[in-house]
Every structure is written in structure tokens, then in C-alpha cells.
PDB file of all heavy atoms in Angstrom:
ATOM      1  N   LEU A   1      56.020 -71.753  23.999  1.00  0.00           N
ATOM      2  CA  LEU A   1      55.886 -70.755  25.057  1.00  0.00           C
ATOM      3  C   LEU A   1      57.058 -70.902  26.015  1.00  0.00           C
ATOM      4  O   LEU A   1      57.440 -72.020  26.379  1.00  0.00           O
ATOM      5  CB  LEU A   1      54.588 -70.965  25.842  1.00  0.00           C
ATOM      6  CG  LEU A   1      53.314 -70.333  25.303  1.00  0.00           C
ATOM      7  CD1 LEU A   1      52.117 -70.890  26.060  1.00  0.00           C
ATOM      8  CD2 LEU A   1      53.349 -68.825  25.431  1.00  0.00           C
ATOM      9  N   ARG A   2      57.616 -69.791  26.421  1.00  0.00           N
ATOM     10  CA  ARG A   2      58.669 -69.815  27.437  1.00  0.00           C
ATOM     11  C   ARG A   2      58.179 -69.013  28.635  1.00  0.00           C
ATOM     12  O   ARG A   2      57.671 -67.901  28.481  1.00  0.00           O
ATOM     13  CB  ARG A   2      59.967 -69.228  26.885  1.00  0.00           C
ATOM     14  CG  ARG A   2      61.157 -69.385  27.825  1.00  0.00           C
ATOM     15  CD  ARG A   2      62.469 -69.257  27.068  1.00  0.00           C
ATOM     16  NE  ARG A   2      62.669 -70.414  26.196  1.00  0.00           N
ATOM     17  CZ  ARG A   2      63.676 -70.514  25.324  1.00  0.00           C
ATOM     18  NH1 ARG A   2      64.551 -69.531  25.209  1.00  0.00           N
ATOM     19  NH2 ARG A   2      63.799 -71.592  24.578  1.00  0.00           N
ATOM     20  N   PHE A   3      58.328 -69.597  29.823  1.00  0.00           N
ATOM     21  CA  PHE A   3      57.943 -68.941  31.066  1.00  0.00           C
ATOM     22  C   PHE A   3      59.208 -68.645  31.854  1.00  0.00           C
ATOM     23  O   PHE A   3      60.034 -69.537  32.061  1.00  0.00           O
ATOM     24  CB  PHE A   3      57.010 -69.834  31.878  1.00  0.00           C
ATOM     25  CG  PHE A   3      55.711 -70.179  31.184  1.00  0.00           C
ATOM     26  CD1 PHE A   3      55.580 -71.371  30.482  1.00  0.00           C
ATOM     27  CD2 PHE A   3      54.640 -69.308  31.234  1.00  0.00           C
ATOM     28  CE1 PHE A   3      54.388 -71.690  29.833  1.00  0.00           C
ATOM     29  CE2 PHE A   3      53.442 -69.615  30.595  1.00  0.00           C
ATOM     30  CZ  PHE A   3      53.318 -70.803  29.887  1.00  0.00           C
ATOM     31  N   VAL A   4      59.347 -67.392  32.310  1.00  0.00           N
ATOM     32  CA  VAL A   4      60.561 -66.981  33.011  1.00  0.00           C
ATOM     33  C   VAL A   4      60.195 -66.226  34.290  1.00  0.00           C
ATOM     34  O   VAL A   4      59.366 -65.305  34.262  1.00  0.00           O
ATOM     35  CB  VAL A   4      61.455 -66.084  32.132  1.00  0.00           C
ATOM     36  CG1 VAL A   4      62.753 -65.756  32.867  1.00  0.00           C
ATOM     37  CG2 VAL A   4      61.769 -66.767  30.802  1.00  0.00           C
ATOM     38  N   ALA A   5      60.808 -66.639  35.396  1.00  0.00           N
ATOM     39  CA  ALA A   5      60.711 -65.909  36.661  1.00  0.00           C
ATOM     40  C   ALA A   5      61.992 -65.102  36.818  1.00  0.00           C
ATOM     41  O   ALA A   5      63.085 -65.674  36.903  1.00  0.00           O
ATOM     42  CB  ALA A   5      60.534 -66.880  37.826  1.00  0.00           C
ATOM     43  N   PHE A   6      61.849 -63.783  36.836  1.00  0.00           N
ATOM     44  CA  PHE A   6      63.001 -62.883  36.862  1.00  0.00           C
ATOM     45  C   PHE A   6      63.342 -62.470  38.292  1.00  0.00           C
ATOM     46  O   PHE A   6      62.457 -62.219  39.122  1.00  0.00           O
ATOM     47  CB  PHE A   6      62.723 -61.612  36.066  1.00  0.00           C
ATOM     48  CG  PHE A   6      62.509 -61.841  34.598  1.00  0.00           C
ATOM     49  CD1 PHE A   6      61.258 -61.628  34.026  1.00  0.00           C
ATOM     50  CD2 PHE A   6      63.545 -62.257  33.782  1.00  0.00           C
ATOM     51  CE1 PHE A   6      61.050 -61.829  32.678  1.00  0.00           C
ATOM     52  CE2 PHE A   6      63.349 -62.459  32.420  1.00  0.00           C
ATOM     53  CZ  PHE A   6      62.093 -62.253  31.862  1.00  0.00           C
ATOM     54  N   VAL A   7      64.612 -62.336  38.561  1.00  0.00           N
ATOM     55  CA  VAL A   7      65.103 -61.812  39.826  1.00  0.00           C
ATOM     56  C   VAL A   7      65.416 -60.323  39.669  1.00  0.00           C
ATOM     57  O   VAL A   7      65.515 -59.807  38.557  1.00  0.00           O
ATOM     58  CB  VAL A   7      66.359 -62.614  40.277  1.00  0.00           C
ATOM     59  CG1 VAL A   7      67.569 -62.284  39.407  1.00  0.00           C
ATOM     60  CG2 VAL A   7      66.662 -62.401  41.756  1.00  0.00           C
ATOM     61  N   ASN A   8      65.530 -59.623  40.782  1.00  0.00           N
ATOM     62  CA  ASN A   8      66.077 -58.250  40.822  1.00  0.00           C
ATOM     63  C   ASN A   8      65.366 -57.261  39.896  1.00  0.00           C
ATOM     64  O   ASN A   8      66.009 -56.512  39.161  1.00  0.00           O
ATOM     65  CB  ASN A   8      67.574 -58.276  40.469  1.00  0.00           C
ATOM     66  CG  ASN A   8      68.434 -58.860  41.576  1.00  0.00           C
ATOM     67  OD1 ASN A   8      67.920 -59.299  42.611  1.00  0.00           O
ATOM     68  ND2 ASN A   8      69.738 -58.882  41.372  1.00  0.00           N
ATOM     69  N   GLU A   9      64.038 -57.243  39.973  1.00  0.00           N
ATOM     70  CA  GLU A   9      63.314 -56.202  39.234  1.00  0.00           C
ATOM     71  C   GLU A   9      63.226 -54.908  40.018  1.00  0.00           C
ATOM     72  O   GLU A   9      63.235 -53.816  39.440  1.00  0.00           O
ATOM     73  CB  GLU A   9      61.900 -56.702  38.880  1.00  0.00           C
ATOM     74  CG  GLU A   9      61.130 -55.803  37.925  1.00  0.00           C
ATOM     75  CD  GLU A   9      60.221 -54.792  38.629  1.00  0.00           C
ATOM     76  OE1 GLU A   9      60.162 -54.805  39.882  1.00  0.00           O
ATOM     77  OE2 GLU A   9      59.569 -53.989  37.936  1.00  0.00           O
ATOM     78  N   GLU A  10      63.101 -55.024  41.328  1.00  0.00           N
ATOM     79  CA  GLU A  10      62.855 -53.858  42.169  1.00  0.00           C
ATOM     80  C   GLU A  10      64.142 -53.042  42.398  1.00  0.00           C
ATOM     81  O   GLU A  10      65.250 -53.538  42.190  1.00  0.00           O
ATOM     82  CB  GLU A  10      62.291 -54.309  43.518  1.00  0.00           C
ATOM     83  CG  GLU A  10      60.952 -55.034  43.435  1.00  0.00           C
ATOM     84  CD  GLU A  10      59.786 -54.120  43.124  1.00  0.00           C
ATOM     85  OE1 GLU A  10      60.003 -52.925  42.877  1.00  0.00           O
ATOM     86  OE2 GLU A  10      58.644 -54.621  43.135  1.00  0.00           O
ATOM     87  N   PRO A  11      63.996 -51.766  42.856  1.00  0.00           N
ATOM     88  CA  PRO A  11      65.176 -50.977  43.228  1.00  0.00           C
ATOM     89  C   PRO A  11      65.993 -51.721  44.277  1.00  0.00           C
ATOM     90  O   PRO A  11      65.427 -52.456  45.100  1.00  0.00           O
ATOM     91  CB  PRO A  11      64.563 -49.693  43.812  1.00  0.00           C
ATOM     92  CG  PRO A  11      63.213 -49.594  43.169  1.00  0.00           C
ATOM     93  CD  PRO A  11      62.737 -51.012  43.011  1.00  0.00           C
ATOM     94  N   PRO A  12      67.332 -51.602  44.228  1.00  0.00           N
ATOM     95  CA  PRO A  12      68.141 -50.647  43.460  1.00  0.00           C
ATOM     96  C   PRO A  12      68.502 -51.094  42.056  1.00  0.00           C
ATOM     97  O   PRO A  12      69.341 -50.471  41.407  1.00  0.00           O
ATOM     98  CB  PRO A  12      69.409 -50.550  44.312  1.00  0.00           C
ATOM     99  CG  PRO A  12      69.560 -51.925  44.887  1.00  0.00           C
ATOM    100  CD  PRO A  12      68.157 -52.385  45.170  1.00  0.00           C
ATOM    101  N   PHE A  13      67.865 -52.158  41.559  1.00  0.00           N
ATOM    102  CA  PHE A  13      68.247 -52.694  40.254  1.00  0.00           C
ATOM    103  C   PHE A  13      67.416 -52.145  39.105  1.00  0.00           C
ATOM    104  O   PHE A  13      67.825 -52.230  37.951  1.00  0.00           O
ATOM    105  CB  PHE A  13      68.120 -54.221  40.274  1.00  0.00           C
ATOM    106  CG  PHE A  13      68.929 -54.860  41.357  1.00  0.00           C
ATOM    107  CD1 PHE A  13      68.328 -55.305  42.524  1.00  0.00           C
ATOM    108  CD2 PHE A  13      70.295 -54.992  41.226  1.00  0.00           C
ATOM    109  CE1 PHE A  13      69.076 -55.885  43.528  1.00  0.00           C
ATOM    110  CE2 PHE A  13      71.050 -55.567  42.235  1.00  0.00           C
ATOM    111  CZ  PHE A  13      70.449 -56.014  43.381  1.00  0.00           C
ATOM    112  N   PHE A  14      66.245 -51.600  39.397  1.00  0.00           N
ATOM    113  CA  PHE A  14      65.290 -51.228  38.358  1.00  0.00           C
ATOM    114  C   PHE A  14      65.922 -50.309  37.323  1.00  0.00           C
ATOM    115  O   PHE A  14      66.537 -49.295  37.667  1.00  0.00           O
ATOM    116  CB  PHE A  14      64.069 -50.557  38.994  1.00  0.00           C
ATOM    117  CG  PHE A  14      62.914 -50.417  38.043  1.00  0.00           C
ATOM    118  CD1 PHE A  14      62.348 -51.545  37.477  1.00  0.00           C
ATOM    119  CD2 PHE A  14      62.411 -49.183  37.719  1.00  0.00           C
ATOM    120  CE1 PHE A  14      61.275 -51.425  36.605  1.00  0.00           C
ATOM    121  CE2 PHE A  14      61.340 -49.050  36.860  1.00  0.00           C
ATOM    122  CZ  PHE A  14      60.774 -50.183  36.294  1.00  0.00           C
ATOM    123  N   TYR A  15      65.771 -50.677  36.057  1.00  0.00           N
ATOM    124  CA  TYR A  15      66.339 -49.969  34.895  1.00  0.00           C
ATOM    125  C   TYR A  15      67.846 -50.157  34.752  1.00  0.00           C
ATOM    126  O   TYR A  15      68.440 -49.655  33.804  1.00  0.00           O
ATOM    127  CB  TYR A  15      66.045 -48.474  34.935  1.00  0.00           C
ATOM    128  CG  TYR A  15      64.667 -48.069  34.481  1.00  0.00           C
ATOM    129  CD1 TYR A  15      64.141 -46.837  34.836  1.00  0.00           C
ATOM    130  CD2 TYR A  15      63.878 -48.903  33.687  1.00  0.00           C
ATOM    131  CE1 TYR A  15      62.865 -46.444  34.423  1.00  0.00           C
ATOM    132  CE2 TYR A  15      62.612 -48.520  33.277  1.00  0.00           C
ATOM    133  CZ  TYR A  15      62.120 -47.295  33.644  1.00  0.00           C
ATOM    134  OH  TYR A  15      60.866 -46.897  33.239  1.00  0.00           O
ATOM    135  N   GLY A  16      68.501 -50.843  35.697  1.00  0.00           N
ATOM    136  CA  GLY A  16      69.949 -50.979  35.660  1.00  0.00           C
ATOM    137  C   GLY A  16      70.406 -52.245  34.947  1.00  0.00           C
ATOM    138  O   GLY A  16      69.621 -53.142  34.619  1.00  0.00           O
ATOM    139  N   HIS A  17      71.714 -52.360  34.749  1.00  0.00           N
ATOM    140  CA  HIS A  17      72.281 -53.487  34.020  1.00  0.00           C
ATOM    141  C   HIS A  17      72.183 -54.793  34.798  1.00  0.00           C
ATOM    142  O   HIS A  17      72.261 -55.871  34.203  1.00  0.00           O
ATOM    143  CB  HIS A  17      73.745 -53.203  33.679  1.00  0.00           C
ATOM    144  CG  HIS A  17      73.934 -52.038  32.756  1.00  0.00           C
ATOM    145  ND1 HIS A  17      73.399 -52.016  31.484  1.00  0.00           N
ATOM    146  CD2 HIS A  17      74.579 -50.856  32.910  1.00  0.00           C
ATOM    147  CE1 HIS A  17      73.717 -50.873  30.892  1.00  0.00           C
ATOM    148  NE2 HIS A  17      74.421 -50.155  31.743  1.00  0.00           N
ATOM    149  N   GLU A  18      72.006 -54.717  36.132  1.00  0.00           N
ATOM    150  CA  GLU A  18      71.936 -55.919  36.951  1.00  0.00           C
ATOM    151  C   GLU A  18      70.501 -56.373  37.202  1.00  0.00           C
ATOM    152  O   GLU A  18      70.275 -57.363  37.900  1.00  0.00           O
ATOM    153  CB  GLU A  18      72.658 -55.676  38.283  1.00  0.00           C
ATOM    154  CG  GLU A  18      74.152 -55.441  38.118  1.00  0.00           C
ATOM    155  CD  GLU A  18      74.816 -54.998  39.410  1.00  0.00           C
ATOM    156  OE1 GLU A  18      74.107 -54.436  40.270  1.00  0.00           O
ATOM    157  OE2 GLU A  18      76.023 -55.213  39.558  1.00  0.00           O
ATOM    158  N   MET A  19      69.529 -55.672  36.654  1.00  0.00           N
ATOM    159  CA  MET A  19      68.137 -56.090  36.714  1.00  0.00           C
ATOM    160  C   MET A  19      68.016 -57.446  36.006  1.00  0.00           C
ATOM    161  O   MET A  19      68.543 -57.646  34.906  1.00  0.00           O
ATOM    162  CB  MET A  19      67.273 -55.035  36.022  1.00  0.00           C
ATOM    163  CG  MET A  19      65.788 -55.245  36.059  1.00  0.00           C
ATOM    164  SD  MET A  19      64.989 -53.823  35.235  1.00  0.00           S
ATOM    165  CE  MET A  19      63.269 -54.336  35.267  1.00  0.00           C
ATOM    166  N   GLY A  20      67.336 -58.398  36.643  1.00  0.00           N
ATOM    167  CA  GLY A  20      67.299 -59.747  36.101  1.00  0.00           C
ATOM    168  C   GLY A  20      66.828 -59.826  34.668  1.00  0.00           C
ATOM    169  O   GLY A  20      67.425 -60.519  33.831  1.00  0.00           O
ATOM    170  N   SER A  21      65.760 -59.130  34.349  1.00  0.00           N
ATOM    171  CA  SER A  21      65.242 -59.176  32.988  1.00  0.00           C
ATOM    172  C   SER A  21      66.163 -58.468  31.998  1.00  0.00           C
ATOM    173  O   SER A  21      66.201 -58.818  30.813  1.00  0.00           O
ATOM    174  CB  SER A  21      63.841 -58.561  32.924  1.00  0.00           C
ATOM    175  OG  SER A  21      63.843 -57.232  33.410  1.00  0.00           O
ATOM    176  N   MET A  22      66.920 -57.474  32.471  1.00  0.00           N
ATOM    177  CA  MET A  22      67.880 -56.795  31.603  1.00  0.00           C
ATOM    178  C   MET A  22      69.008 -57.755  31.227  1.00  0.00           C
ATOM    179  O   MET A  22      69.428 -57.816  30.062  1.00  0.00           O
ATOM    180  CB  MET A  22      68.441 -55.565  32.301  1.00  0.00           C
ATOM    181  CG  MET A  22      69.142 -54.603  31.365  1.00  0.00           C
ATOM    182  SD  MET A  22      67.991 -53.654  30.327  1.00  0.00           S
ATOM    183  CE  MET A  22      67.303 -52.526  31.551  1.00  0.00           C
ATOM    184  N   VAL A  23      69.495 -58.503  32.214  1.00  0.00           N
ATOM    185  CA  VAL A  23      70.520 -59.516  31.951  1.00  0.00           C
ATOM    186  C   VAL A  23      69.987 -60.546  30.958  1.00  0.00           C
ATOM    187  O   VAL A  23      70.666 -60.940  30.000  1.00  0.00           O
ATOM    188  CB  VAL A  23      70.957 -60.197  33.261  1.00  0.00           C
ATOM    189  CG1 VAL A  23      71.882 -61.378  32.993  1.00  0.00           C
ATOM    190  CG2 VAL A  23      71.633 -59.188  34.184  1.00  0.00           C
ATOM    191  N   TYR A  24      68.754 -60.971  31.171  1.00  0.00           N
ATOM    192  CA  TYR A  24      68.148 -61.992  30.313  1.00  0.00           C
ATOM    193  C   TYR A  24      67.970 -61.479  28.891  1.00  0.00           C
ATOM    194  O   TYR A  24      68.343 -62.162  27.917  1.00  0.00           O
ATOM    195  CB  TYR A  24      66.792 -62.406  30.883  1.00  0.00           C
ATOM    196  CG  TYR A  24      66.145 -63.556  30.147  1.00  0.00           C
ATOM    197  CD1 TYR A  24      66.227 -64.850  30.641  1.00  0.00           C
ATOM    198  CD2 TYR A  24      65.456 -63.347  28.959  1.00  0.00           C
ATOM    199  CE1 TYR A  24      65.638 -65.919  29.972  1.00  0.00           C
ATOM    200  CE2 TYR A  24      64.874 -64.400  28.271  1.00  0.00           C
ATOM    201  CZ  TYR A  24      64.971 -65.677  28.777  1.00  0.00           C
ATOM    202  OH  TYR A  24      64.395 -66.728  28.099  1.00  0.00           O
ATOM    203  N   ALA A  25      67.380 -60.289  28.732  1.00  0.00           N
ATOM    204  CA  ALA A  25      67.099 -59.748  27.403  1.00  0.00           C
ATOM    205  C   ALA A  25      68.383 -59.477  26.628  1.00  0.00           C
ATOM    206  O   ALA A  25      68.444 -59.709  25.412  1.00  0.00           O
ATOM    207  CB  ALA A  25      66.266 -58.476  27.523  1.00  0.00           C
ATOM    208  N   LYS A  26      69.402 -58.996  27.309  1.00  0.00           N
ATOM    209  CA  LYS A  26      70.685 -58.747  26.657  1.00  0.00           C
ATOM    210  C   LYS A  26      71.274 -60.044  26.112  1.00  0.00           C
ATOM    211  O   LYS A  26      71.740 -60.104  24.959  1.00  0.00           O
ATOM    212  CB  LYS A  26      71.660 -58.097  27.632  1.00  0.00           C
ATOM    213  CG  LYS A  26      73.036 -57.810  27.032  1.00  0.00           C
ATOM    214  CD  LYS A  26      73.962 -57.168  28.068  1.00  0.00           C
ATOM    215  CE  LYS A  26      75.345 -56.911  27.477  1.00  0.00           C
ATOM    216  NZ  LYS A  26      76.256 -56.298  28.485  1.00  0.00           N
ATOM    217  N   ALA A  27      71.247 -61.100  26.932  1.00  0.00           N
ATOM    218  CA  ALA A  27      71.774 -62.385  26.493  1.00  0.00           C
ATOM    219  C   ALA A  27      70.946 -62.961  25.349  1.00  0.00           C
ATOM    220  O   ALA A  27      71.487 -63.558  24.410  1.00  0.00           O
ATOM    221  CB  ALA A  27      71.814 -63.357  27.668  1.00  0.00           C
ATOM    222  N   ALA A  28      69.625 -62.786  25.414  1.00  0.00           N
ATOM    223  CA  ALA A  28      68.752 -63.272  24.347  1.00  0.00           C
ATOM    224  C   ALA A  28      69.067 -62.581  23.027  1.00  0.00           C
ATOM    225  O   ALA A  28      69.120 -63.219  21.963  1.00  0.00           O
ATOM    226  CB  ALA A  28      67.291 -63.055  24.721  1.00  0.00           C
ATOM    227  N   ARG A  29      69.300 -61.283  23.073  1.00  0.00           N
ATOM    228  CA  ARG A  29      69.640 -60.539  21.859  1.00  0.00           C
ATOM    229  C   ARG A  29      70.996 -60.979  21.311  1.00  0.00           C
ATOM    230  O   ARG A  29      71.160 -61.140  20.088  1.00  0.00           O
ATOM    231  CB  ARG A  29      69.638 -59.038  22.162  1.00  0.00           C
ATOM    232  CG  ARG A  29      70.065 -58.159  20.985  1.00  0.00           C
ATOM    233  CD  ARG A  29      69.302 -58.478  19.714  1.00  0.00           C
ATOM    234  NE  ARG A  29      67.902 -58.106  19.813  1.00  0.00           N
ATOM    235  CZ  ARG A  29      66.962 -58.510  18.951  1.00  0.00           C
ATOM    236  NH1 ARG A  29      67.281 -59.331  17.966  1.00  0.00           N
ATOM    237  NH2 ARG A  29      65.705 -58.134  19.101  1.00  0.00           N
ATOM    238  N   GLN A  30      71.950 -61.207  22.183  1.00  0.00           N
ATOM    239  CA  GLN A  30      73.270 -61.659  21.734  1.00  0.00           C
ATOM    240  C   GLN A  30      73.191 -63.022  21.061  1.00  0.00           C
ATOM    241  O   GLN A  30      73.933 -63.305  20.110  1.00  0.00           O
ATOM    242  CB  GLN A  30      74.237 -61.692  22.914  1.00  0.00           C
ATOM    243  CG  GLN A  30      74.618 -60.310  23.440  1.00  0.00           C
ATOM    244  CD  GLN A  30      75.443 -60.364  24.709  1.00  0.00           C
ATOM    245  OE1 GLN A  30      75.458 -61.367  25.425  1.00  0.00           O
ATOM    246  NE2 GLN A  30      76.124 -59.265  25.018  1.00  0.00           N
ATOM    247  N   ARG A  31      72.269 -63.869  21.544  1.00  0.00           N
ATOM    248  CA  ARG A  31      72.084 -65.203  20.946  1.00  0.00           C
ATOM    249  C   ARG A  31      71.118 -65.174  19.769  1.00  0.00           C
ATOM    250  O   ARG A  31      70.860 -66.208  19.148  1.00  0.00           O
ATOM    251  CB  ARG A  31      71.549 -66.184  22.002  1.00  0.00           C
ATOM    252  CG  ARG A  31      72.483 -66.486  23.151  1.00  0.00           C
ATOM    253  CD  ARG A  31      71.956 -67.670  23.971  1.00  0.00           C
ATOM    254  NE  ARG A  31      70.596 -67.451  24.451  1.00  0.00           N
ATOM    255  CZ  ARG A  31      70.281 -66.933  25.630  1.00  0.00           C
ATOM    256  NH1 ARG A  31      71.254 -66.558  26.456  1.00  0.00           N
ATOM    257  NH2 ARG A  31      69.015 -66.780  25.998  1.00  0.00           N
ATOM    258  N   ARG A  32      70.552 -64.006  19.508  1.00  0.00           N
ATOM    259  CA  ARG A  32      69.553 -63.835  18.446  1.00  0.00           C
ATOM    260  C   ARG A  32      68.352 -64.749  18.664  1.00  0.00           C
ATOM    261  O   ARG A  32      67.844 -65.391  17.748  1.00  0.00           O
ATOM    262  CB  ARG A  32      70.173 -64.082  17.060  1.00  0.00           C
ATOM    263  CG  ARG A  32      71.295 -63.097  16.731  1.00  0.00           C
ATOM    264  CD  ARG A  32      71.819 -63.309  15.331  1.00  0.00           C
ATOM    265  NE  ARG A  32      72.871 -62.347  15.018  1.00  0.00           N
ATOM    266  CZ  ARG A  32      73.521 -62.302  13.862  1.00  0.00           C
ATOM    267  NH1 ARG A  32      73.211 -63.170  12.899  1.00  0.00           N
ATOM    268  NH2 ARG A  32      74.467 -61.390  13.664  1.00  0.00           N
ATOM    269  N   GLU A  33      67.899 -64.777  19.912  1.00  0.00           N
ATOM    270  CA  GLU A  33      66.736 -65.590  20.264  1.00  0.00           C
ATOM    271  C   GLU A  33      65.501 -65.093  19.511  1.00  0.00           C
ATOM    272  O   GLU A  33      65.224 -63.887  19.482  1.00  0.00           O
ATOM    273  CB  GLU A  33      66.478 -65.514  21.768  1.00  0.00           C
ATOM    274  CG  GLU A  33      67.471 -66.294  22.602  1.00  0.00           C
ATOM    275  CD  GLU A  33      67.191 -67.778  22.589  1.00  0.00           C
ATOM    276  OE1 GLU A  33      66.013 -68.180  22.492  1.00  0.00           O
ATOM    277  OE2 GLU A  33      68.152 -68.553  22.667  1.00  0.00           O
ATOM    278  N   PRO A  34      64.722 -66.004  18.925  1.00  0.00           N
ATOM    279  CA  PRO A  34      63.551 -65.602  18.128  1.00  0.00           C
ATOM    280  C   PRO A  34      62.311 -65.362  18.988  1.00  0.00           C
ATOM    281  O   PRO A  34      61.299 -66.068  18.873  1.00  0.00           O
ATOM    282  CB  PRO A  34      63.371 -66.788  17.182  1.00  0.00           C
ATOM    283  CG  PRO A  34      63.812 -67.965  18.006  1.00  0.00           C
ATOM    284  CD  PRO A  34      64.950 -67.469  18.858  1.00  0.00           C
ATOM    285  N   ILE A  35      62.378 -64.361  19.859  1.00  0.00           N
ATOM    286  CA  ILE A  35      61.228 -64.030  20.712  1.00  0.00           C
ATOM    287  C   ILE A  35      60.231 -63.226  19.887  1.00  0.00           C
ATOM    288  O   ILE A  35      60.527 -62.108  19.447  1.00  0.00           O
ATOM    289  CB  ILE A  35      61.671 -63.227  21.942  1.00  0.00           C
ATOM    290  CG1 ILE A  35      62.723 -64.006  22.757  1.00  0.00           C
ATOM    291  CG2 ILE A  35      60.460 -62.889  22.823  1.00  0.00           C
ATOM    292  CD1 ILE A  35      63.337 -63.203  23.886  1.00  0.00           C
TER     293      ILE A  35
END
């Protein structure tokens, strides 16, 4: 199990490239993380 506290979910970041979870998910995909 992995637990993650994300930053910058709320506007003005929501749906944007600087949204914390967007940064995280992009990096995970680049590393081919087995989520």
C-alpha cells in the first residue's frame, strides 16, 4: 500500500499541470509504476 498526501489540488491548480497529483501521476507513468 502506498499513502500519498498531495499538494495543490484546489484552484488555481485544479486540472492543471501543476496540480500535485498531476505531477505525481505523470512521473509514475514515466517510471512505469505498477499502480
